[in-house]
Amino acid sequence: MKRLKIVYAKRIEKDVKRLEVKTFDHLHKALERLGNNPFPSITTAKTIKKLKIKEPTYRLRVGEYRVIYRIKIEKIIVLRIIHRKELQRELKRLT
């Protein structure tokens, strides 16, 4: 599969400012790997999950944080990087 380009939504800037440097580095590495394999599979079943909302949206689990993203033609659009406790509230907003 061809490597997909990662594009960030405007909201990501605010999300990243709240993160510690160590956490940001960990998330950045996970996002780089995501470009190679953005879909749930047997090997990524615990970290990548397809969310049950209208537009196909996925969640990447990275420690205490979740990356919410959508896949479009040849690119991944990262919508949010949030703490796991904020996930349900954000999913309600996205539906």
PDB file of N, CA and C in Angstrom:
ATOM      1  N   MET A   1       0.834  -1.183   0.000  1.00  0.00           N
ATOM      2  CA  MET A   1       0.000   0.000   0.000  1.00  0.00           C
ATOM      3  C   MET A   1       0.882   1.252   0.000  1.00  0.00           C
ATOM      4  N   LYS A   2       0.466   2.233  -0.730  1.00  0.00           N
ATOM      5  CA  LYS A   2       1.192   3.489  -0.821  1.00  0.00           C
ATOM      6  C   LYS A   2       1.079   4.268   0.493  1.00  0.00           C
ATOM      7  N   ARG A   3       2.154   4.917   0.889  1.00  0.00           N
ATOM      8  CA  ARG A   3       2.155   5.719   2.118  1.00  0.00           C
ATOM      9  C   ARG A   3       1.230   6.916   1.934  1.00  0.00           C
ATOM     10  N   LEU A   4       0.359   7.145   2.906  1.00  0.00           N
ATOM     11  CA  LEU A   4      -0.592   8.247   2.840  1.00  0.00           C
ATOM     12  C   LEU A   4      -0.024   9.503   3.491  1.00  0.00           C
ATOM     13  N   LYS A   5      -0.360  10.646   2.938  1.00  0.00           N
ATOM     14  CA  LYS A   5       0.066  11.939   3.476  1.00  0.00           C
ATOM     15  C   LYS A   5      -0.795  12.265   4.704  1.00  0.00           C
ATOM     16  N   ILE A   6      -0.178  12.811   5.740  1.00  0.00           N
ATOM     17  CA  ILE A   6      -0.905  13.179   6.949  1.00  0.00           C
ATOM     18  C   ILE A   6      -1.157  14.680   6.940  1.00  0.00           C
ATOM     19  N   VAL A   7      -2.438  15.061   7.064  1.00  0.00           N
ATOM     20  CA  VAL A   7      -2.858  16.455   7.069  1.00  0.00           C
ATOM     21  C   VAL A   7      -3.528  16.720   8.410  1.00  0.00           C
ATOM     22  N   TYR A   8      -3.251  17.876   9.008  1.00  0.00           N
ATOM     23  CA  TYR A   8      -3.789  18.209  10.319  1.00  0.00           C
ATOM     24  C   TYR A   8      -4.875  19.267  10.219  1.00  0.00           C
ATOM     25  N   ALA A   9      -5.952  19.081  10.967  1.00  0.00           N
ATOM     26  CA  ALA A   9      -7.015  20.079  11.049  1.00  0.00           C
ATOM     27  C   ALA A   9      -6.497  21.271  11.859  1.00  0.00           C
ATOM     28  N   LYS A  10      -7.148  22.405  11.734  1.00  0.00           N
ATOM     29  CA  LYS A  10      -6.727  23.619  12.448  1.00  0.00           C
ATOM     30  C   LYS A  10      -6.747  23.432  13.960  1.00  0.00           C
ATOM     31  N   ARG A  11      -7.668  22.659  14.457  1.00  0.00           N
ATOM     32  CA  ARG A  11      -7.843  22.442  15.894  1.00  0.00           C
ATOM     33  C   ARG A  11      -6.622  21.748  16.532  1.00  0.00           C
ATOM     34  N   ILE A  12      -5.843  21.030  15.754  1.00  0.00           N
ATOM     35  CA  ILE A  12      -4.706  20.269  16.269  1.00  0.00           C
ATOM     36  C   ILE A  12      -3.688  21.171  16.953  1.00  0.00           C
ATOM     37  N   GLU A  13      -3.516  22.380  16.470  1.00  0.00           N
ATOM     38  CA  GLU A  13      -2.548  23.305  17.072  1.00  0.00           C
ATOM     39  C   GLU A  13      -2.843  23.523  18.560  1.00  0.00           C
ATOM     40  N   LYS A  14      -4.113  23.709  18.904  1.00  0.00           N
ATOM     41  CA  LYS A  14      -4.494  23.883  20.310  1.00  0.00           C
ATOM     42  C   LYS A  14      -4.262  22.595  21.101  1.00  0.00           C
ATOM     43  N   ASP A  15      -4.579  21.471  20.474  1.00  0.00           N
ATOM     44  CA  ASP A  15      -4.399  20.183  21.154  1.00  0.00           C
ATOM     45  C   ASP A  15      -2.929  19.934  21.478  1.00  0.00           C
ATOM     46  N   VAL A  16      -2.056  20.245  20.541  1.00  0.00           N
ATOM     47  CA  VAL A  16      -0.619  19.984  20.702  1.00  0.00           C
ATOM     48  C   VAL A  16      -0.008  20.899  21.766  1.00  0.00           C
ATOM     49  N   LYS A  17      -0.484  22.121  21.865  1.00  0.00           N
ATOM     50  CA  LYS A  17       0.060  23.057  22.865  1.00  0.00           C
ATOM     51  C   LYS A  17      -0.132  22.545  24.285  1.00  0.00           C
ATOM     52  N   ARG A  18      -1.158  21.738  24.506  1.00  0.00           N
ATOM     53  CA  ARG A  18      -1.437  21.216  25.847  1.00  0.00           C
ATOM     54  C   ARG A  18      -0.583  20.007  26.221  1.00  0.00           C
ATOM     55  N   LEU A  19       0.136  19.452  25.256  1.00  0.00           N
ATOM     56  CA  LEU A  19       0.901  18.225  25.491  1.00  0.00           C
ATOM     57  C   LEU A  19       2.306  18.495  25.999  1.00  0.00           C
ATOM     58  N   GLU A  20       2.825  17.553  26.763  1.00  0.00           N
ATOM     59  CA  GLU A  20       4.229  17.599  27.172  1.00  0.00           C
ATOM     60  C   GLU A  20       5.076  17.170  25.978  1.00  0.00           C
ATOM     61  N   VAL A  21       6.333  17.549  25.978  1.00  0.00           N
ATOM     62  CA  VAL A  21       7.233  17.242  24.862  1.00  0.00           C
ATOM     63  C   VAL A  21       7.356  15.729  24.669  1.00  0.00           C
ATOM     64  N   LYS A  22       7.518  14.990  25.744  1.00  0.00           N
ATOM     65  CA  LYS A  22       7.680  13.537  25.674  1.00  0.00           C
ATOM     66  C   LYS A  22       6.427  12.898  25.050  1.00  0.00           C
ATOM     67  N   THR A  23       5.252  13.349  25.460  1.00  0.00           N
ATOM     68  CA  THR A  23       3.992  12.836  24.927  1.00  0.00           C
ATOM     69  C   THR A  23       3.868  13.171  23.447  1.00  0.00           C
ATOM     70  N   PHE A  24       4.229  14.398  23.092  1.00  0.00           N
ATOM     71  CA  PHE A  24       4.157  14.817  21.694  1.00  0.00           C
ATOM     72  C   PHE A  24       5.062  13.951  20.813  1.00  0.00           C
ATOM     73  N   ASP A  25       6.264  13.673  21.273  1.00  0.00           N
ATOM     74  CA  ASP A  25       7.192  12.830  20.515  1.00  0.00           C
ATOM     75  C   ASP A  25       6.612  11.429  20.289  1.00  0.00           C
ATOM     76  N   HIS A  26       6.006  10.886  21.346  1.00  0.00           N
ATOM     77  CA  HIS A  26       5.398   9.557  21.257  1.00  0.00           C
ATOM     78  C   HIS A  26       4.251   9.566  20.236  1.00  0.00           C
ATOM     79  N   LEU A  27       3.417  10.595  20.281  1.00  0.00           N
ATOM     80  CA  LEU A  27       2.309  10.722  19.341  1.00  0.00           C
ATOM     81  C   LEU A  27       2.810  10.921  17.910  1.00  0.00           C
ATOM     82  N   HIS A  28       3.850  11.711  17.753  1.00  0.00           N
ATOM     83  CA  HIS A  28       4.402  11.983  16.425  1.00  0.00           C
ATOM     84  C   HIS A  28       4.903  10.689  15.763  1.00  0.00           C
ATOM     85  N   LYS A  29       5.590   9.851  16.523  1.00  0.00           N
ATOM     86  CA  LYS A  29       6.066   8.574  15.994  1.00  0.00           C
ATOM     87  C   LYS A  29       4.899   7.672  15.596  1.00  0.00           C
ATOM     88  N   ALA A  30       3.849   7.664  16.421  1.00  0.00           N
ATOM     89  CA  ALA A  30       2.673   6.849  16.112  1.00  0.00           C
ATOM     90  C   ALA A  30       1.980   7.336  14.844  1.00  0.00           C
ATOM     91  N   LEU A  31       1.921   8.651  14.655  1.00  0.00           N
ATOM     92  CA  LEU A  31       1.308   9.210  13.451  1.00  0.00           C
ATOM     93  C   LEU A  31       2.125   8.886  12.199  1.00  0.00           C
ATOM     94  N   GLU A  32       3.438   8.859  12.324  1.00  0.00           N
ATOM     95  CA  GLU A  32       4.285   8.480  11.189  1.00  0.00           C
ATOM     96  C   GLU A  32       4.020   7.034  10.779  1.00  0.00           C
ATOM     97  N   ARG A  33       3.862   6.158  11.763  1.00  0.00           N
ATOM     98  CA  ARG A  33       3.543   4.756  11.464  1.00  0.00           C
ATOM     99  C   ARG A  33       2.153   4.634  10.847  1.00  0.00           C
ATOM    100  N   LEU A  34       1.243   5.507  11.265  1.00  0.00           N
ATOM    101  CA  LEU A  34      -0.122   5.491  10.764  1.00  0.00           C
ATOM    102  C   LEU A  34      -0.171   5.735   9.257  1.00  0.00           C
ATOM    103  N   GLY A  35       0.741   6.532   8.737  1.00  0.00           N
ATOM    104  CA  GLY A  35       0.797   6.795   7.305  1.00  0.00           C
ATOM    105  C   GLY A  35       1.011   5.540   6.481  1.00  0.00           C
ATOM    106  N   ASN A  36       1.633   4.537   7.079  1.00  0.00           N
ATOM    107  CA  ASN A  36       1.875   3.263   6.386  1.00  0.00           C
ATOM    108  C   ASN A  36       0.694   2.310   6.464  1.00  0.00           C
ATOM    109  N   ASN A  37      -0.061   2.355   7.566  1.00  0.00           N
ATOM    110  CA  ASN A  37      -1.171   1.430   7.771  1.00  0.00           C
ATOM    111  C   ASN A  37      -2.277   2.114   8.570  1.00  0.00           C
ATOM    112  N   PRO A  38      -3.175   2.863   7.918  1.00  0.00           N
ATOM    113  CA  PRO A  38      -4.202   3.622   8.638  1.00  0.00           C
ATOM    114  C   PRO A  38      -5.466   2.840   8.990  1.00  0.00           C
ATOM    115  N   PHE A  39      -5.605   1.612   8.491  1.00  0.00           N
ATOM    116  CA  PHE A  39      -6.823   0.847   8.707  1.00  0.00           C
ATOM    117  C   PHE A  39      -6.658  -0.194   9.810  1.00  0.00           C
ATOM    118  N   PRO A  40      -7.748  -0.532  10.509  1.00  0.00           N
ATOM    119  CA  PRO A  40      -7.673  -1.592  11.517  1.00  0.00           C
ATOM    120  C   PRO A  40      -7.328  -2.930  10.875  1.00  0.00           C
ATOM    121  N   SER A  41      -6.495  -3.683  11.528  1.00  0.00           N
ATOM    122  CA  SER A  41      -6.135  -5.017  11.041  1.00  0.00           C
ATOM    123  C   SER A  41      -5.874  -5.906  12.249  1.00  0.00           C
ATOM    124  N   ILE A  42      -5.506  -7.126  11.999  1.00  0.00           N
ATOM    125  CA  ILE A  42      -5.237  -8.061  13.097  1.00  0.00           C
ATOM    126  C   ILE A  42      -4.090  -7.549  13.965  1.00  0.00           C
ATOM    127  N   THR A  43      -3.064  -7.003  13.354  1.00  0.00           N
ATOM    128  CA  THR A  43      -1.895  -6.544  14.118  1.00  0.00           C
ATOM    129  C   THR A  43      -2.154  -5.226  14.847  1.00  0.00           C
ATOM    130  N   THR A  44      -3.103  -4.422  14.376  1.00  0.00           N
ATOM    131  CA  THR A  44      -3.364  -3.122  15.010  1.00  0.00           C
ATOM    132  C   THR A  44      -4.717  -3.074  15.702  1.00  0.00           C
ATOM    133  N   ALA A  45      -5.329  -4.223  15.942  1.00  0.00           N
ATOM    134  CA  ALA A  45      -6.696  -4.284  16.465  1.00  0.00           C
ATOM    135  C   ALA A  45      -6.883  -3.539  17.784  1.00  0.00           C
ATOM    136  N   LYS A  46      -5.885  -3.523  18.638  1.00  0.00           N
ATOM    137  CA  LYS A  46      -6.034  -2.851  19.928  1.00  0.00           C
ATOM    138  C   LYS A  46      -5.742  -1.363  19.855  1.00  0.00           C
ATOM    139  N   THR A  47      -5.029  -0.927  18.855  1.00  0.00           N
ATOM    140  CA  THR A  47      -4.661   0.484  18.786  1.00  0.00           C
ATOM    141  C   THR A  47      -5.502   1.284  17.796  1.00  0.00           C
ATOM    142  N   ILE A  48      -5.996   0.661  16.735  1.00  0.00           N
ATOM    143  CA  ILE A  48      -6.816   1.367  15.755  1.00  0.00           C
ATOM    144  C   ILE A  48      -8.214   0.760  15.750  1.00  0.00           C
ATOM    145  N   LYS A  49      -9.215   1.638  15.833  1.00  0.00           N
ATOM    146  CA  LYS A  49     -10.591   1.173  15.864  1.00  0.00           C
ATOM    147  C   LYS A  49     -11.442   2.058  14.969  1.00  0.00           C
ATOM    148  N   LYS A  50     -12.330   1.460  14.202  1.00  0.00           N
ATOM    149  CA  LYS A  50     -13.264   2.230  13.392  1.00  0.00           C
ATOM    150  C   LYS A  50     -14.406   2.661  14.306  1.00  0.00           C
ATOM    151  N   LEU A  51     -14.714   3.955  14.300  1.00  0.00           N
ATOM    152  CA  LEU A  51     -15.754   4.485  15.168  1.00  0.00           C
ATOM    153  C   LEU A  51     -17.112   4.400  14.485  1.00  0.00           C
ATOM    154  N   LYS A  52     -18.133   4.254  15.292  1.00  0.00           N
ATOM    155  CA  LYS A  52     -19.488   4.094  14.767  1.00  0.00           C
ATOM    156  C   LYS A  52     -20.199   5.443  14.703  1.00  0.00           C
ATOM    157  N   ILE A  53     -19.756   6.264  13.781  1.00  0.00           N
ATOM    158  CA  ILE A  53     -20.426   7.529  13.513  1.00  0.00           C
ATOM    159  C   ILE A  53     -20.637   7.637  12.007  1.00  0.00           C
ATOM    160  N   LYS A  54     -21.396   8.627  11.562  1.00  0.00           N
ATOM    161  CA  LYS A  54     -21.812   8.722  10.160  1.00  0.00           C
ATOM    162  C   LYS A  54     -20.665   8.611   9.163  1.00  0.00           C
ATOM    163  N   GLU A  55     -19.755   9.540   9.165  1.00  0.00           N
ATOM    164  CA  GLU A  55     -18.638   9.512   8.222  1.00  0.00           C
ATOM    165  C   GLU A  55     -17.556   8.568   8.765  1.00  0.00           C
ATOM    166  N   PRO A  56     -16.979   7.724   7.924  1.00  0.00           N
ATOM    167  CA  PRO A  56     -15.952   6.791   8.415  1.00  0.00           C
ATOM    168  C   PRO A  56     -14.822   7.523   9.148  1.00  0.00           C
ATOM    169  N   THR A  57     -14.732   7.266  10.422  1.00  0.00           N
ATOM    170  CA  THR A  57     -13.759   7.915  11.289  1.00  0.00           C
ATOM    171  C   THR A  57     -13.082   6.835  12.119  1.00  0.00           C
ATOM    172  N   TYR A  58     -11.807   7.058  12.428  1.00  0.00           N
ATOM    173  CA  TYR A  58     -11.028   6.070  13.163  1.00  0.00           C
ATOM    174  C   TYR A  58     -10.405   6.697  14.398  1.00  0.00           C
ATOM    175  N   ARG A  59     -10.057   5.825  15.347  1.00  0.00           N
ATOM    176  CA  ARG A  59      -9.405   6.255  16.574  1.00  0.00           C
ATOM    177  C   ARG A  59      -8.105   5.479  16.722  1.00  0.00           C
ATOM    178  N   LEU A  60      -7.019   6.195  16.958  1.00  0.00           N
ATOM    179  CA  LEU A  60      -5.723   5.584  17.217  1.00  0.00           C
ATOM    180  C   LEU A  60      -5.422   5.776  18.693  1.00  0.00           C
ATOM    181  N   ARG A  61      -5.148   4.694  19.391  1.00  0.00           N
ATOM    182  CA  ARG A  61      -4.846   4.759  20.817  1.00  0.00           C
ATOM    183  C   ARG A  61      -3.337   4.835  21.001  1.00  0.00           C
ATOM    184  N   VAL A  62      -2.896   5.898  21.690  1.00  0.00           N
ATOM    185  CA  VAL A  62      -1.472   6.092  21.980  1.00  0.00           C
ATOM    186  C   VAL A  62      -1.364   6.448  23.460  1.00  0.00           C
ATOM    187  N   GLY A  63      -1.125   5.452  24.286  1.00  0.00           N
ATOM    188  CA  GLY A  63      -1.051   5.688  25.727  1.00  0.00           C
ATOM    189  C   GLY A  63      -2.364   6.242  26.259  1.00  0.00           C
ATOM    190  N   GLU A  64      -2.313   7.371  26.948  1.00  0.00           N
ATOM    191  CA  GLU A  64      -3.495   8.006  27.516  1.00  0.00           C
ATOM    192  C   GLU A  64      -4.235   8.884  26.505  1.00  0.00           C
ATOM    193  N   TYR A  65      -3.699   9.021  25.308  1.00  0.00           N
ATOM    194  CA  TYR A  65      -4.276   9.929  24.314  1.00  0.00           C
ATOM    195  C   TYR A  65      -4.881   9.168  23.149  1.00  0.00           C
ATOM    196  N   ARG A  66      -5.834   9.828  22.492  1.00  0.00           N
ATOM    197  CA  ARG A  66      -6.498   9.265  21.326  1.00  0.00           C
ATOM    198  C   ARG A  66      -6.382  10.241  20.163  1.00  0.00           C
ATOM    199  N   VAL A  67      -6.078   9.705  18.999  1.00  0.00           N
ATOM    200  CA  VAL A  67      -5.995  10.495  17.773  1.00  0.00           C
ATOM    201  C   VAL A  67      -7.224  10.132  16.953  1.00  0.00           C
ATOM    202  N   ILE A  68      -8.062  11.121  16.663  1.00  0.00           N
ATOM    203  CA  ILE A  68      -9.259  10.923  15.861  1.00  0.00           C
ATOM    204  C   ILE A  68      -8.923  11.344  14.436  1.00  0.00           C
ATOM    205  N   TYR A  69      -9.168  10.469  13.458  1.00  0.00           N
ATOM    206  CA  TYR A  69      -8.807  10.801  12.083  1.00  0.00           C
ATOM    207  C   TYR A  69      -9.782  10.195  11.080  1.00  0.00           C
ATOM    208  N   ARG A  70      -9.767  10.778   9.887  1.00  0.00           N
ATOM    209  CA  ARG A  70     -10.545  10.285   8.760  1.00  0.00           C
ATOM    210  C   ARG A  70      -9.589  10.037   7.594  1.00  0.00           C
ATOM    211  N   ILE A  71      -9.966   9.123   6.733  1.00  0.00           N
ATOM    212  CA  ILE A  71      -9.137   8.796   5.580  1.00  0.00           C
ATOM    213  C   ILE A  71      -9.853   9.266   4.318  1.00  0.00           C
ATOM    214  N   LYS A  72      -9.188  10.103   3.572  1.00  0.00           N
ATOM    215  CA  LYS A  72      -9.679  10.589   2.277  1.00  0.00           C
ATOM    216  C   LYS A  72      -8.738  10.059   1.203  1.00  0.00           C
ATOM    217  N   ILE A  73      -8.956  10.414  -0.014  1.00  0.00           N
ATOM    218  CA  ILE A  73      -8.130   9.921  -1.111  1.00  0.00           C
ATOM    219  C   ILE A  73      -6.672  10.312  -0.895  1.00  0.00           C
ATOM    220  N   GLU A  74      -5.846   9.314  -0.688  1.00  0.00           N
ATOM    221  CA  GLU A  74      -4.395   9.451  -0.519  1.00  0.00           C
ATOM    222  C   GLU A  74      -3.952  10.361   0.629  1.00  0.00           C
ATOM    223  N   LYS A  75      -4.828  10.591   1.633  1.00  0.00           N
ATOM    224  CA  LYS A  75      -4.389  11.370   2.799  1.00  0.00           C
ATOM    225  C   LYS A  75      -5.185  10.990   4.040  1.00  0.00           C
ATOM    226  N   ILE A  76      -4.555  11.237   5.162  1.00  0.00           N
ATOM    227  CA  ILE A  76      -5.172  11.034   6.467  1.00  0.00           C
ATOM    228  C   ILE A  76      -5.380  12.411   7.060  1.00  0.00           C
ATOM    229  N   ILE A  77      -6.612  12.702   7.470  1.00  0.00           N
ATOM    230  CA  ILE A  77      -6.906  13.996   8.086  1.00  0.00           C
ATOM    231  C   ILE A  77      -7.043  13.776   9.587  1.00  0.00           C
ATOM    232  N   VAL A  78      -6.101  14.307  10.350  1.00  0.00           N
ATOM    233  CA  VAL A  78      -6.129  14.187  11.809  1.00  0.00           C
ATOM    234  C   VAL A  78      -7.030  15.293  12.335  1.00  0.00           C
ATOM    235  N   LEU A  79      -8.139  14.897  12.976  1.00  0.00           N
ATOM    236  CA  LEU A  79      -9.125  15.856  13.456  1.00  0.00           C
ATOM    237  C   LEU A  79      -8.823  16.354  14.859  1.00  0.00           C
ATOM    238  N   ARG A  80      -8.453  15.435  15.749  1.00  0.00           N
ATOM    239  CA  ARG A  80      -8.190  15.815  17.137  1.00  0.00           C
ATOM    240  C   ARG A  80      -7.158  14.895  17.754  1.00  0.00           C
ATOM    241  N   ILE A  81      -6.447  15.425  18.736  1.00  0.00           N
ATOM    242  CA  ILE A  81      -5.586  14.640  19.619  1.00  0.00           C
ATOM    243  C   ILE A  81      -6.072  14.988  21.018  1.00  0.00           C
ATOM    244  N   ILE A  82      -6.702  14.039  21.679  1.00  0.00           N
ATOM    245  CA  ILE A  82      -7.341  14.324  22.964  1.00  0.00           C
ATOM    246  C   ILE A  82      -6.997  13.260  23.996  1.00  0.00           C
ATOM    247  N   HIS A  83      -7.180  13.626  25.254  1.00  0.00           N
ATOM    248  CA  HIS A  83      -7.006  12.679  26.350  1.00  0.00           C
ATOM    249  C   HIS A  83      -8.165  11.690  26.307  1.00  0.00           C
ATOM    250  N   ARG A  84      -7.943  10.491  26.743  1.00  0.00           N
ATOM    251  CA  ARG A  84      -8.961   9.443  26.651  1.00  0.00           C
ATOM    252  C   ARG A  84     -10.254   9.802  27.368  1.00  0.00           C
ATOM    253  N   LYS A  85     -10.176  10.622  28.427  1.00  0.00           N
ATOM    254  CA  LYS A  85     -11.366  11.015  29.182  1.00  0.00           C
ATOM    255  C   LYS A  85     -12.281  11.936  28.379  1.00  0.00           C
ATOM    256  N   GLU A  86     -11.751  12.605  27.374  1.00  0.00           N
ATOM    257  CA  GLU A  86     -12.533  13.532  26.554  1.00  0.00           C
ATOM    258  C   GLU A  86     -13.139  12.864  25.323  1.00  0.00           C
ATOM    259  N   LEU A  87     -12.857  11.592  25.111  1.00  0.00           N
ATOM    260  CA  LEU A  87     -13.236  10.918  23.871  1.00  0.00           C
ATOM    261  C   LEU A  87     -14.747  10.901  23.633  1.00  0.00           C
ATOM    262  N   GLN A  88     -15.547  10.499  24.600  1.00  0.00           N
ATOM    263  CA  GLN A  88     -16.981  10.396  24.393  1.00  0.00           C
ATOM    264  C   GLN A  88     -17.612  11.748  24.057  1.00  0.00           C
ATOM    265  N   ARG A  89     -17.182  12.792  24.741  1.00  0.00           N
ATOM    266  CA  ARG A  89     -17.709  14.132  24.469  1.00  0.00           C
ATOM    267  C   ARG A  89     -17.371  14.562  23.038  1.00  0.00           C
ATOM    268  N   GLU A  90     -16.172  14.265  22.604  1.00  0.00           N
ATOM    269  CA  GLU A  90     -15.747  14.651  21.256  1.00  0.00           C
ATOM    270  C   GLU A  90     -16.498  13.848  20.197  1.00  0.00           C
ATOM    271  N   LEU A  91     -16.757  12.584  20.454  1.00  0.00           N
ATOM    272  CA  LEU A  91     -17.491  11.769  19.484  1.00  0.00           C
ATOM    273  C   LEU A  91     -18.923  12.271  19.317  1.00  0.00           C
ATOM    274  N   LYS A  92     -19.533  12.730  20.372  1.00  0.00           N
ATOM    275  CA  LYS A  92     -20.879  13.309  20.272  1.00  0.00           C
ATOM    276  C   LYS A  92     -20.860  14.551  19.407  1.00  0.00           C
ATOM    277  N   ARG A  93     -19.794  15.329  19.508  1.00  0.00           N
ATOM    278  CA  ARG A  93     -19.681  16.543  18.717  1.00  0.00           C
ATOM    279  C   ARG A  93     -19.486  16.221  17.228  1.00  0.00           C
ATOM    280  N   LEU A  94     -18.794  15.137  16.930  1.00  0.00           N
ATOM    281  CA  LEU A  94     -18.511  14.758  15.547  1.00  0.00           C
ATOM    282  C   LEU A  94     -19.700  14.128  14.835  1.00  0.00           C
ATOM    283  N   THR A  95     -20.660  13.599  15.562  1.00  0.00           N
ATOM    284  CA  THR A  95     -21.797  12.916  14.902  1.00  0.00           C
ATOM    285  C   THR A  95     -22.789  13.879  14.334  1.00  0.00           C
TER     286      THR A  95
END
